[in-house]
Amino acid sequence: MARKPKSEETETANPDAPAAKFPLFYKSPRPIEAGRHAKIGLKSDVNVGFAANANAIPLNIVEFAVAARHYPIVFSNTAPFLPVASRACAPA
């Protein structure tokens, strides 16, 4: 079955539905623009304090081996069922 064009999807969407949530730790994501971001690079010293209050972080399969060295890997018990590294269960 072919997908409807976006214009038709938005017209039939439920106006009472909750707004889409941003991914974990994102507050106001913006697309990368060549003109605006051409001279921006990666920082060598990154402050990860934004994640200080998180008790579990979703994992990809490629992250399992490294994460398992430091944290237990558990699966969330609510949908979506995701593997997470949990500091709540981590040894002290």
PDB file of N, CA and C in Angstrom:
ATOM      1  N   MET A   1       0.838  -1.172   0.000  1.00  0.00           N
ATOM      2  CA  MET A   1       0.000   0.000   0.000  1.00  0.00           C
ATOM      3  C   MET A   1       0.890   1.245   0.000  1.00  0.00           C
ATOM      4  N   ALA A   2       0.606   2.184  -0.853  1.00  0.00           N
ATOM      5  CA  ALA A   2       1.394   3.404  -0.959  1.00  0.00           C
ATOM      6  C   ALA A   2       1.104   4.333   0.213  1.00  0.00           C
ATOM      7  N   ARG A   3       2.115   5.067   0.596  1.00  0.00           N
ATOM      8  CA  ARG A   3       1.969   6.016   1.693  1.00  0.00           C
ATOM      9  C   ARG A   3       1.322   7.300   1.190  1.00  0.00           C
ATOM     10  N   LYS A   4       0.480   7.891   2.026  1.00  0.00           N
ATOM     11  CA  LYS A   4      -0.186   9.141   1.667  1.00  0.00           C
ATOM     12  C   LYS A   4       0.818  10.282   1.662  1.00  0.00           C
ATOM     13  N   PRO A   5       0.648  11.268   0.810  1.00  0.00           N
ATOM     14  CA  PRO A   5       1.501  12.458   0.868  1.00  0.00           C
ATOM     15  C   PRO A   5       1.327  13.162   2.208  1.00  0.00           C
ATOM     16  N   LYS A   6       2.350  13.882   2.626  1.00  0.00           N
ATOM     17  CA  LYS A   6       2.310  14.550   3.932  1.00  0.00           C
ATOM     18  C   LYS A   6       1.112  15.475   4.091  1.00  0.00           C
ATOM     19  N   SER A   7       0.721  16.161   3.045  1.00  0.00           N
ATOM     20  CA  SER A   7      -0.399  17.094   3.158  1.00  0.00           C
ATOM     21  C   SER A   7      -1.681  16.376   3.559  1.00  0.00           C
ATOM     22  N   GLU A   8      -1.890  15.160   3.039  1.00  0.00           N
ATOM     23  CA  GLU A   8      -3.080  14.393   3.398  1.00  0.00           C
ATOM     24  C   GLU A   8      -2.973  13.827   4.810  1.00  0.00           C
ATOM     25  N   GLU A   9      -1.765  13.455   5.220  1.00  0.00           N
ATOM     26  CA  GLU A   9      -1.575  12.900   6.555  1.00  0.00           C
ATOM     27  C   GLU A   9      -1.873  13.934   7.632  1.00  0.00           C
ATOM     28  N   THR A  10      -1.443  15.159   7.435  1.00  0.00           N
ATOM     29  CA  THR A  10      -1.653  16.187   8.452  1.00  0.00           C
ATOM     30  C   THR A  10      -3.115  16.594   8.543  1.00  0.00           C
ATOM     31  N   GLU A  11      -3.834  16.529   7.423  1.00  0.00           N
ATOM     32  CA  GLU A  11      -5.242  16.902   7.460  1.00  0.00           C
ATOM     33  C   GLU A  11      -6.073  15.897   8.239  1.00  0.00           C
ATOM     34  N   THR A  12      -5.700  14.626   8.182  1.00  0.00           N
ATOM     35  CA  THR A  12      -6.474  13.588   8.849  1.00  0.00           C
ATOM     36  C   THR A  12      -5.949  13.280  10.246  1.00  0.00           C
ATOM     37  N   ALA A  13      -4.879  13.929  10.661  1.00  0.00           N
ATOM     38  CA  ALA A  13      -4.300  13.669  11.982  1.00  0.00           C
ATOM     39  C   ALA A  13      -5.252  14.123  13.073  1.00  0.00           C
ATOM     40  N   ASN A  14      -5.192  13.465  14.202  1.00  0.00           N
ATOM     41  CA  ASN A  14      -6.032  13.796  15.348  1.00  0.00           C
ATOM     42  C   ASN A  14      -5.507  15.071  16.011  1.00  0.00           C
ATOM     43  N   PRO A  15      -6.283  16.150  16.028  1.00  0.00           N
ATOM     44  CA  PRO A  15      -5.800  17.385  16.640  1.00  0.00           C
ATOM     45  C   PRO A  15      -5.647  17.285  18.152  1.00  0.00           C
ATOM     46  N   ASP A  16      -6.293  16.304  18.772  1.00  0.00           N
ATOM     47  CA  ASP A  16      -6.190  16.138  20.219  1.00  0.00           C
ATOM     48  C   ASP A  16      -5.018  15.258  20.621  1.00  0.00           C
ATOM     49  N   ALA A  17      -4.311  14.700  19.642  1.00  0.00           N
ATOM     50  CA  ALA A  17      -3.175  13.824  19.936  1.00  0.00           C
ATOM     51  C   ALA A  17      -2.050  14.651  20.561  1.00  0.00           C
ATOM     52  N   PRO A  18      -1.291  14.055  21.496  1.00  0.00           N
ATOM     53  CA  PRO A  18      -0.187  14.800  22.106  1.00  0.00           C
ATOM     54  C   PRO A  18       0.890  15.112  21.070  1.00  0.00           C
ATOM     55  N   ALA A  19       1.612  16.190  21.289  1.00  0.00           N
ATOM     56  CA  ALA A  19       2.673  16.588  20.373  1.00  0.00           C
ATOM     57  C   ALA A  19       3.784  15.552  20.406  1.00  0.00           C
ATOM     58  N   ALA A  20       4.485  15.425  19.291  1.00  0.00           N
ATOM     59  CA  ALA A  20       5.592  14.474  19.218  1.00  0.00           C
ATOM     60  C   ALA A  20       6.673  14.859  20.218  1.00  0.00           C
ATOM     61  N   LYS A  21       7.276  13.861  20.847  1.00  0.00           N
ATOM     62  CA  LYS A  21       8.331  14.108  21.818  1.00  0.00           C
ATOM     63  C   LYS A  21       9.674  14.113  21.107  1.00  0.00           C
ATOM     64  N   PHE A  22      10.589  14.909  21.619  1.00  0.00           N
ATOM     65  CA  PHE A  22      11.940  14.915  21.083  1.00  0.00           C
ATOM     66  C   PHE A  22      12.677  13.683  21.582  1.00  0.00           C
ATOM     67  N   PRO A  23      13.734  13.269  20.884  1.00  0.00           N
ATOM     68  CA  PRO A  23      14.549  12.166  21.376  1.00  0.00           C
ATOM     69  C   PRO A  23      15.172  12.514  22.736  1.00  0.00           C
ATOM     70  N   LEU A  24      15.600  11.500  23.438  1.00  0.00           N
ATOM     71  CA  LEU A  24      16.197  11.652  24.753  1.00  0.00           C
ATOM     72  C   LEU A  24      17.281  12.729  24.745  1.00  0.00           C
ATOM     73  N   PHE A  25      17.219  13.652  25.679  1.00  0.00           N
ATOM     74  CA  PHE A  25      18.177  14.746  25.912  1.00  0.00           C
ATOM     75  C   PHE A  25      18.083  15.892  24.900  1.00  0.00           C
ATOM     76  N   TYR A  26      17.211  15.833  23.926  1.00  0.00           N
ATOM     77  CA  TYR A  26      17.075  16.925  22.958  1.00  0.00           C
ATOM     78  C   TYR A  26      16.025  17.905  23.454  1.00  0.00           C
ATOM     79  N   LYS A  27      16.337  19.202  23.368  1.00  0.00           N
ATOM     80  CA  LYS A  27      15.379  20.229  23.776  1.00  0.00           C
ATOM     81  C   LYS A  27      14.864  21.022  22.588  1.00  0.00           C
ATOM     82  N   SER A  28      15.740  21.374  21.687  1.00  0.00           N
ATOM     83  CA  SER A  28      15.315  22.127  20.500  1.00  0.00           C
ATOM     84  C   SER A  28      16.218  21.767  19.310  1.00  0.00           C
ATOM     85  N   PRO A  29      16.075  20.559  18.748  1.00  0.00           N
ATOM     86  CA  PRO A  29      16.935  20.167  17.632  1.00  0.00           C
ATOM     87  C   PRO A  29      16.648  20.980  16.382  1.00  0.00           C
ATOM     88  N   ARG A  30      17.682  21.218  15.596  1.00  0.00           N
ATOM     89  CA  ARG A  30      17.555  21.937  14.328  1.00  0.00           C
ATOM     90  C   ARG A  30      18.338  21.185  13.257  1.00  0.00           C
ATOM     91  N   PRO A  31      17.887  21.223  12.028  1.00  0.00           N
ATOM     92  CA  PRO A  31      18.653  20.570  10.963  1.00  0.00           C
ATOM     93  C   PRO A  31      19.963  21.310  10.702  1.00  0.00           C
ATOM     94  N   ILE A  32      20.948  20.573  10.251  1.00  0.00           N
ATOM     95  CA  ILE A  32      22.232  21.188   9.904  1.00  0.00           C
ATOM     96  C   ILE A  32      22.070  21.926   8.594  1.00  0.00           C
ATOM     97  N   GLU A  33      22.598  23.147   8.550  1.00  0.00           N
ATOM     98  CA  GLU A  33      22.549  23.974   7.347  1.00  0.00           C
ATOM     99  C   GLU A  33      23.973  24.285   6.918  1.00  0.00           C
ATOM    100  N   ALA A  34      24.281  24.023   5.668  1.00  0.00           N
ATOM    101  CA  ALA A  34      25.642  24.203   5.168  1.00  0.00           C
ATOM    102  C   ALA A  34      26.165  25.620   5.411  1.00  0.00           C
ATOM    103  N   GLY A  35      25.364  26.628   5.117  1.00  0.00           N
ATOM    104  CA  GLY A  35      25.807  28.009   5.286  1.00  0.00           C
ATOM    105  C   GLY A  35      26.050  28.385   6.734  1.00  0.00           C
ATOM    106  N   ARG A  36      25.183  27.957   7.609  1.00  0.00           N
ATOM    107  CA  ARG A  36      25.263  28.324   9.020  1.00  0.00           C
ATOM    108  C   ARG A  36      26.302  27.497   9.787  1.00  0.00           C
ATOM    109  N   HIS A  37      26.473  26.236   9.426  1.00  0.00           N
ATOM    110  CA  HIS A  37      27.297  25.335  10.215  1.00  0.00           C
ATOM    111  C   HIS A  37      28.590  24.894   9.522  1.00  0.00           C
ATOM    112  N   ALA A  38      28.981  25.558   8.434  1.00  0.00           N
ATOM    113  CA  ALA A  38      30.143  25.134   7.648  1.00  0.00           C
ATOM    114  C   ALA A  38      31.432  25.116   8.462  1.00  0.00           C
ATOM    115  N   LYS A  39      31.598  26.027   9.406  1.00  0.00           N
ATOM    116  CA  LYS A  39      32.861  26.131  10.147  1.00  0.00           C
ATOM    117  C   LYS A  39      32.789  25.532  11.546  1.00  0.00           C
ATOM    118  N   ILE A  40      31.708  24.833  11.846  1.00  0.00           N
ATOM    119  CA  ILE A  40      31.559  24.231  13.170  1.00  0.00           C
ATOM    120  C   ILE A  40      32.112  22.810  13.143  1.00  0.00           C
ATOM    121  N   GLY A  41      32.800  22.432  14.198  1.00  0.00           N
ATOM    122  CA  GLY A  41      33.367  21.087  14.287  1.00  0.00           C
ATOM    123  C   GLY A  41      33.013  20.461  15.622  1.00  0.00           C
ATOM    124  N   LEU A  42      33.663  19.358  15.963  1.00  0.00           N
ATOM    125  CA  LEU A  42      33.438  18.679  17.224  1.00  0.00           C
ATOM    126  C   LEU A  42      34.290  19.310  18.322  1.00  0.00           C
ATOM    127  N   LYS A  43      33.734  19.403  19.508  1.00  0.00           N
ATOM    128  CA  LYS A  43      34.466  19.935  20.652  1.00  0.00           C
ATOM    129  C   LYS A  43      35.327  18.839  21.261  1.00  0.00           C
ATOM    130  N   SER A  44      36.498  19.214  21.744  1.00  0.00           N
ATOM    131  CA  SER A  44      37.361  18.209  22.371  1.00  0.00           C
ATOM    132  C   SER A  44      36.984  17.975  23.829  1.00  0.00           C
ATOM    133  N   ASP A  45      36.439  18.974  24.493  1.00  0.00           N
ATOM    134  CA  ASP A  45      35.997  18.810  25.884  1.00  0.00           C
ATOM    135  C   ASP A  45      34.477  19.000  25.923  1.00  0.00           C
ATOM    136  N   VAL A  46      33.778  17.925  26.171  1.00  0.00           N
ATOM    137  CA  VAL A  46      32.322  17.945  26.121  1.00  0.00           C
ATOM    138  C   VAL A  46      31.764  17.824  27.535  1.00  0.00           C
ATOM    139  N   ASN A  47      30.825  18.687  27.882  1.00  0.00           N
ATOM    140  CA  ASN A  47      30.152  18.631  29.179  1.00  0.00           C
ATOM    141  C   ASN A  47      28.920  17.749  29.028  1.00  0.00           C
ATOM    142  N   VAL A  48      28.891  16.632  29.734  1.00  0.00           N
ATOM    143  CA  VAL A  48      27.766  15.718  29.642  1.00  0.00           C
ATOM    144  C   VAL A  48      26.866  15.821  30.873  1.00  0.00           C
ATOM    145  N   GLY A  49      26.877  16.949  31.542  1.00  0.00           N
ATOM    146  CA  GLY A  49      26.046  17.167  32.720  1.00  0.00           C
ATOM    147  C   GLY A  49      24.558  17.061  32.438  1.00  0.00           C
ATOM    148  N   PHE A  50      24.156  17.242  31.179  1.00  0.00           N
ATOM    149  CA  PHE A  50      22.734  17.147  30.825  1.00  0.00           C
ATOM    150  C   PHE A  50      22.180  15.747  31.090  1.00  0.00           C
ATOM    151  N   ALA A  51      23.047  14.755  31.200  1.00  0.00           N
ATOM    152  CA  ALA A  51      22.597  13.379  31.421  1.00  0.00           C
ATOM    153  C   ALA A  51      22.704  12.958  32.888  1.00  0.00           C
ATOM    154  N   ALA A  52      23.032  13.883  33.770  1.00  0.00           N
ATOM    155  CA  ALA A  52      23.286  13.550  35.177  1.00  0.00           C
ATOM    156  C   ALA A  52      22.088  12.930  35.884  1.00  0.00           C
ATOM    157  N   ASN A  53      20.883  13.314  35.532  1.00  0.00           N
ATOM    158  CA  ASN A  53      19.698  12.808  36.229  1.00  0.00           C
ATOM    159  C   ASN A  53      19.061  11.587  35.572  1.00  0.00           C
ATOM    160  N   ALA A  54      19.639  11.100  34.491  1.00  0.00           N
ATOM    161  CA  ALA A  54      19.084   9.927  33.810  1.00  0.00           C
ATOM    162  C   ALA A  54      19.500   8.667  34.566  1.00  0.00           C
ATOM    163  N   ASN A  55      18.557   7.760  34.766  1.00  0.00           N
ATOM    164  CA  ASN A  55      18.915   6.515  35.446  1.00  0.00           C
ATOM    165  C   ASN A  55      19.103   5.356  34.481  1.00  0.00           C
ATOM    166  N   ALA A  56      18.762   5.538  33.213  1.00  0.00           N
ATOM    167  CA  ALA A  56      18.959   4.509  32.202  1.00  0.00           C
ATOM    168  C   ALA A  56      19.109   5.174  30.835  1.00  0.00           C
ATOM    169  N   ILE A  57      19.995   4.625  30.022  1.00  0.00           N
ATOM    170  CA  ILE A  57      20.272   5.181  28.704  1.00  0.00           C
ATOM    171  C   ILE A  57      20.038   4.090  27.659  1.00  0.00           C
ATOM    172  N   PRO A  58      19.221   4.350  26.628  1.00  0.00           N
ATOM    173  CA  PRO A  58      18.994   3.346  25.580  1.00  0.00           C
ATOM    174  C   PRO A  58      20.307   2.988  24.873  1.00  0.00           C
ATOM    175  N   LEU A  59      20.429   1.723  24.478  1.00  0.00           N
ATOM    176  CA  LEU A  59      21.632   1.241  23.813  1.00  0.00           C
ATOM    177  C   LEU A  59      21.324   0.679  22.433  1.00  0.00           C
ATOM    178  N   ASN A  60      22.315   0.733  21.556  1.00  0.00           N
ATOM    179  CA  ASN A  60      22.300   0.013  20.285  1.00  0.00           C
ATOM    180  C   ASN A  60      23.126  -1.245  20.490  1.00  0.00           C
ATOM    181  N   ILE A  61      22.932  -2.225  19.648  1.00  0.00           N
ATOM    182  CA  ILE A  61      23.642  -3.497  19.790  1.00  0.00           C
ATOM    183  C   ILE A  61      25.159  -3.306  19.778  1.00  0.00           C
ATOM    184  N   VAL A  62      25.660  -2.364  18.996  1.00  0.00           N
ATOM    185  CA  VAL A  62      27.107  -2.160  18.925  1.00  0.00           C
ATOM    186  C   VAL A  62      27.670  -1.589  20.224  1.00  0.00           C
ATOM    187  N   GLU A  63      26.825  -1.061  21.086  1.00  0.00           N
ATOM    188  CA  GLU A  63      27.274  -0.486  22.352  1.00  0.00           C
ATOM    189  C   GLU A  63      27.263  -1.492  23.511  1.00  0.00           C
ATOM    190  N   PHE A  64      26.708  -2.674  23.291  1.00  0.00           N
ATOM    191  CA  PHE A  64      26.561  -3.664  24.361  1.00  0.00           C
ATOM    192  C   PHE A  64      27.888  -4.029  25.027  1.00  0.00           C
ATOM    193  N   ALA A  65      28.905  -4.366  24.246  1.00  0.00           N
ATOM    194  CA  ALA A  65      30.162  -4.860  24.814  1.00  0.00           C
ATOM    195  C   ALA A  65      30.818  -3.835  25.743  1.00  0.00           C
ATOM    196  N   VAL A  66      30.881  -2.596  25.318  1.00  0.00           N
ATOM    197  CA  VAL A  66      31.509  -1.567  26.150  1.00  0.00           C
ATOM    198  C   VAL A  66      30.637  -1.237  27.359  1.00  0.00           C
ATOM    199  N   ALA A  67      29.343  -1.097  27.154  1.00  0.00           N
ATOM    200  CA  ALA A  67      28.439  -0.759  28.253  1.00  0.00           C
ATOM    201  C   ALA A  67      28.421  -1.862  29.307  1.00  0.00           C
ATOM    202  N   ALA A  68      28.482  -3.111  28.882  1.00  0.00           N
ATOM    203  CA  ALA A  68      28.419  -4.239  29.816  1.00  0.00           C
ATOM    204  C   ALA A  68      29.627  -4.296  30.746  1.00  0.00           C
ATOM    205  N   ARG A  69      30.706  -3.651  30.398  1.00  0.00           N
ATOM    206  CA  ARG A  69      31.879  -3.603  31.281  1.00  0.00           C
ATOM    207  C   ARG A  69      31.627  -2.761  32.519  1.00  0.00           C
ATOM    208  N   HIS A  70      30.689  -1.828  32.429  1.00  0.00           N
ATOM    209  CA  HIS A  70      30.474  -0.872  33.506  1.00  0.00           C
ATOM    210  C   HIS A  70      29.064  -0.867  34.087  1.00  0.00           C
ATOM    211  N   TYR A  71      28.084  -1.285  33.293  1.00  0.00           N
ATOM    212  CA  TYR A  71      26.684  -1.212  33.710  1.00  0.00           C
ATOM    213  C   TYR A  71      25.942  -2.492  33.344  1.00  0.00           C
ATOM    214  N   PRO A  72      24.938  -2.858  34.129  1.00  0.00           N
ATOM    215  CA  PRO A  72      24.091  -3.976  33.701  1.00  0.00           C
ATOM    216  C   PRO A  72      23.216  -3.531  32.523  1.00  0.00           C
ATOM    217  N   ILE A  73      22.983  -4.449  31.600  1.00  0.00           N
ATOM    218  CA  ILE A  73      22.091  -4.174  30.475  1.00  0.00           C
ATOM    219  C   ILE A  73      20.764  -4.845  30.785  1.00  0.00           C
ATOM    220  N   VAL A  74      19.716  -4.058  30.790  1.00  0.00           N
ATOM    221  CA  VAL A  74      18.376  -4.570  31.077  1.00  0.00           C
ATOM    222  C   VAL A  74      17.438  -4.124  29.966  1.00  0.00           C
ATOM    223  N   PHE A  75      16.269  -4.742  29.896  1.00  0.00           N
ATOM    224  CA  PHE A  75      15.269  -4.345  28.910  1.00  0.00           C
ATOM    225  C   PHE A  75      14.111  -3.690  29.637  1.00  0.00           C
ATOM    226  N   SER A  76      13.631  -2.582  29.103  1.00  0.00           N
ATOM    227  CA  SER A  76      12.504  -1.886  29.718  1.00  0.00           C
ATOM    228  C   SER A  76      11.286  -2.801  29.707  1.00  0.00           C
ATOM    229  N   ASN A  77      10.436  -2.666  30.715  1.00  0.00           N
ATOM    230  CA  ASN A  77       9.262  -3.539  30.807  1.00  0.00           C
ATOM    231  C   ASN A  77       8.001  -2.894  30.260  1.00  0.00           C
ATOM    232  N   THR A  78       8.144  -1.768  29.589  1.00  0.00           N
ATOM    233  CA  THR A  78       7.010  -1.114  28.923  1.00  0.00           C
ATOM    234  C   THR A  78       7.393  -0.852  27.467  1.00  0.00           C
ATOM    235  N   ALA A  79       6.396  -0.767  26.625  1.00  0.00           N
ATOM    236  CA  ALA A  79       6.659  -0.527  25.202  1.00  0.00           C
ATOM    237  C   ALA A  79       7.160   0.889  25.007  1.00  0.00           C
ATOM    238  N   PRO A  80       8.085   1.136  24.159  1.00  0.00           N
ATOM    239  CA  PRO A  80       8.824   0.173  23.376  1.00  0.00           C
ATOM    240  C   PRO A  80       9.866  -0.541  24.240  1.00  0.00           C
ATOM    241  N   PHE A  81      10.026  -1.836  24.054  1.00  0.00           N
ATOM    242  CA  PHE A  81      10.935  -2.641  24.858  1.00  0.00           C
ATOM    243  C   PHE A  81      12.356  -2.432  24.345  1.00  0.00           C
ATOM    244  N   LEU A  82      13.113  -1.623  25.065  1.00  0.00           N
ATOM    245  CA  LEU A  82      14.449  -1.243  24.623  1.00  0.00           C
ATOM    246  C   LEU A  82      15.510  -1.766  25.579  1.00  0.00           C
ATOM    247  N   PRO A  83      16.687  -2.110  25.052  1.00  0.00           N
ATOM    248  CA  PRO A  83      17.804  -2.418  25.940  1.00  0.00           C
ATOM    249  C   PRO A  83      18.356  -1.106  26.485  1.00  0.00           C
ATOM    250  N   VAL A  84      18.644  -1.069  27.765  1.00  0.00           N
ATOM    251  CA  VAL A  84      19.186   0.135  28.389  1.00  0.00           C
ATOM    252  C   VAL A  84      20.334  -0.232  29.319  1.00  0.00           C
ATOM    253  N   ALA A  85      21.274   0.688  29.474  1.00  0.00           N
ATOM    254  CA  ALA A  85      22.306   0.565  30.488  1.00  0.00           C
ATOM    255  C   ALA A  85      21.758   1.310  31.688  1.00  0.00           C
ATOM    256  N   SER A  86      21.694   0.625  32.807  1.00  0.00           N
ATOM    257  CA  SER A  86      21.045   1.207  33.973  1.00  0.00           C
ATOM    258  C   SER A  86      22.040   1.478  35.091  1.00  0.00           C
ATOM    259  N   ARG A  87      22.166   2.731  35.487  1.00  0.00           N
ATOM    260  CA  ARG A  87      23.053   3.034  36.604  1.00  0.00           C
ATOM    261  C   ARG A  87      22.355   2.724  37.919  1.00  0.00           C
ATOM    262  N   ALA A  88      21.021   2.604  37.912  1.00  0.00           N
ATOM    263  CA  ALA A  88      20.296   2.278  39.131  1.00  0.00           C
ATOM    264  C   ALA A  88      20.687   0.893  39.646  1.00  0.00           C
ATOM    265  N   CYS A  89      21.114   0.019  38.742  1.00  0.00           N
ATOM    266  CA  CYS A  89      21.515  -1.353  39.113  1.00  0.00           C
ATOM    267  C   CYS A  89      23.020  -1.524  39.145  1.00  0.00           C
ATOM    268  N   ALA A  90      23.769  -0.468  38.834  1.00  0.00           N
ATOM    269  CA  ALA A  90      25.227  -0.590  38.715  1.00  0.00           C
ATOM    270  C   ALA A  90      25.857  -0.829  40.072  1.00  0.00           C
ATOM    271  N   PRO A  91      26.917  -1.643  40.115  1.00  0.00           N
ATOM    272  CA  PRO A  91      27.618  -1.859  41.385  1.00  0.00           C
ATOM    273  C   PRO A  91      28.298  -0.582  41.841  1.00  0.00           C
ATOM    274  N   ALA A  92      28.391  -0.375  43.122  1.00  0.00           N
ATOM    275  CA  ALA A  92      28.999   0.851  43.665  1.00  0.00           C
ATOM    276  C   ALA A  92      30.497   0.782  43.644  1.00  0.00           C
TER     277      ALA A  92
END
